[in-house]
Amino acid sequence: MADLVGIVEAFEQSNSVRLELRGELTTWKGQRDILWTAAAYERTIERTGQLPLVYANVRSMEKRLVTIEAVLLQLLYALDFKLAEREFQNASV
């Protein structure tokens, strides 16, 4: 678990964001599954009413992710891509 905490801390620090990770039991193609969601927020003291900068989600069964490490890495790759896209769009304006 310490490795996962370190990965999340490093991601937050390198991207200057705060992450929120959530898992929700769902049904996918007739089977129980977990929908994992990660959202990146601006680092602020209070988050009340703050919308995420970007978010990503994956279903464990759909991607055949069998470990929490695989889920986390998939989510972080997606968030990193979306944050880079957002930064590029903001730089173009």
Protein backbone atom coordinates (compact mmCIF):
# COMPACT_ATOMS: atom_id res chain seq x y z
CA MET A 1 0.00 0.00 0.00
CA ALA A 2 2.90 2.37 0.66
CA ASP A 3 3.85 2.12 -3.02
CA LEU A 4 0.35 3.24 -4.04
CA VAL A 5 0.43 6.16 -1.64
CA GLY A 6 3.81 7.18 -3.02
CA ILE A 7 2.56 7.01 -6.61
CA VAL A 8 -0.46 9.19 -5.81
CA GLU A 9 1.64 11.69 -3.84
CA ALA A 10 4.17 11.94 -6.68
CA PHE A 11 1.40 12.48 -9.24
CA GLU A 12 -0.21 15.18 -7.12
CA GLN A 13 3.09 16.93 -6.56
CA SER A 14 4.31 16.82 -10.17
CA ASN A 15 0.96 18.05 -11.53
CA SER A 16 0.13 20.50 -8.70
CA VAL A 17 -3.27 18.88 -8.16
CA ARG A 18 -5.16 17.01 -5.48
CA LEU A 19 -6.65 13.66 -6.46
CA GLU A 20 -9.91 12.10 -5.44
CA LEU A 21 -10.28 8.37 -6.09
CA ARG A 22 -13.59 6.55 -5.90
CA GLY A 23 -14.92 3.04 -6.55
CA GLU A 24 -18.56 2.21 -7.21
CA LEU A 25 -20.18 -1.21 -7.60
CA THR A 26 -21.96 -1.45 -10.95
CA THR A 27 -23.13 -4.02 -13.44
CA TRP A 28 -21.39 -4.36 -16.80
CA LYS A 29 -22.55 -6.86 -19.42
CA GLY A 30 -24.63 -8.64 -16.80
CA GLN A 31 -21.79 -9.06 -14.29
CA ARG A 32 -20.92 -7.16 -11.14
CA ASP A 33 -18.05 -4.78 -11.66
CA ILE A 34 -16.39 -1.78 -10.08
CA LEU A 35 -16.35 1.58 -11.83
CA TRP A 36 -13.24 3.43 -10.69
CA THR A 37 -13.16 7.22 -10.99
CA ALA A 38 -10.27 9.61 -10.44
CA ALA A 39 -10.65 13.37 -10.43
CA ALA A 40 -7.93 16.00 -10.32
CA TYR A 41 -8.67 19.25 -8.51
CA GLU A 42 -6.71 22.46 -8.18
CA ARG A 43 -4.80 22.58 -4.92
CA THR A 44 -6.79 24.88 -2.70
CA ILE A 45 -7.48 25.10 0.99
CA GLU A 46 -11.21 24.51 0.57
CA ARG A 47 -12.78 22.33 -2.10
CA THR A 48 -16.45 23.13 -1.49
CA GLY A 49 -18.21 23.42 -4.84
CA GLN A 50 -15.00 23.12 -6.81
CA LEU A 51 -15.31 21.29 -10.14
CA PRO A 52 -12.52 18.91 -11.14
CA LEU A 53 -9.99 20.08 -13.69
CA VAL A 54 -10.21 16.66 -15.35
CA TYR A 55 -11.51 13.21 -14.51
CA ALA A 56 -11.19 9.68 -15.83
CA ASN A 57 -12.90 6.38 -15.15
CA VAL A 58 -12.35 2.72 -15.91
CA ARG A 59 -14.28 -0.48 -15.32
CA SER A 60 -12.24 -3.33 -13.90
CA MET A 61 -13.90 -6.04 -16.02
CA GLU A 62 -13.90 -4.02 -19.25
CA LYS A 63 -10.15 -3.44 -19.11
CA ARG A 64 -9.40 -6.76 -17.39
CA LEU A 65 -7.69 -4.94 -14.55
CA VAL A 66 -7.17 -7.47 -11.79
CA THR A 67 -5.08 -5.50 -9.29
CA ILE A 68 -5.62 -2.15 -7.63
CA GLU A 69 -2.19 -1.14 -8.93
CA ALA A 70 -3.32 -1.71 -12.52
CA VAL A 71 -6.50 0.30 -11.90
CA LEU A 72 -4.56 3.16 -10.36
CA LEU A 73 -1.97 3.30 -13.13
CA GLN A 74 -4.66 3.22 -15.83
CA LEU A 75 -6.45 6.13 -14.14
CA LEU A 76 -3.26 8.14 -13.67
CA TYR A 77 -2.22 7.68 -17.31
CA ALA A 78 -5.64 8.93 -18.42
CA LEU A 79 -5.53 11.90 -16.02
CA ASP A 80 -2.00 12.80 -17.07
CA PHE A 81 -3.03 12.84 -20.73
CA LYS A 82 -6.09 14.99 -20.00
CA LEU A 83 -4.09 17.42 -17.87
CA ALA A 84 -1.51 17.78 -20.65
CA GLU A 85 -4.29 18.38 -23.18
CA ARG A 86 -5.81 21.02 -20.93
CA GLU A 87 -2.47 22.73 -20.44
CA PHE A 88 -1.85 22.75 -24.20
CA GLN A 89 -5.29 24.24 -24.90
CA ASN A 90 -4.77 26.94 -22.26
CA ALA A 91 -1.34 27.79 -23.70
CA SER A 92 -2.85 28.16 -27.19
CA VAL A 93 -5.36 30.79 -26.06
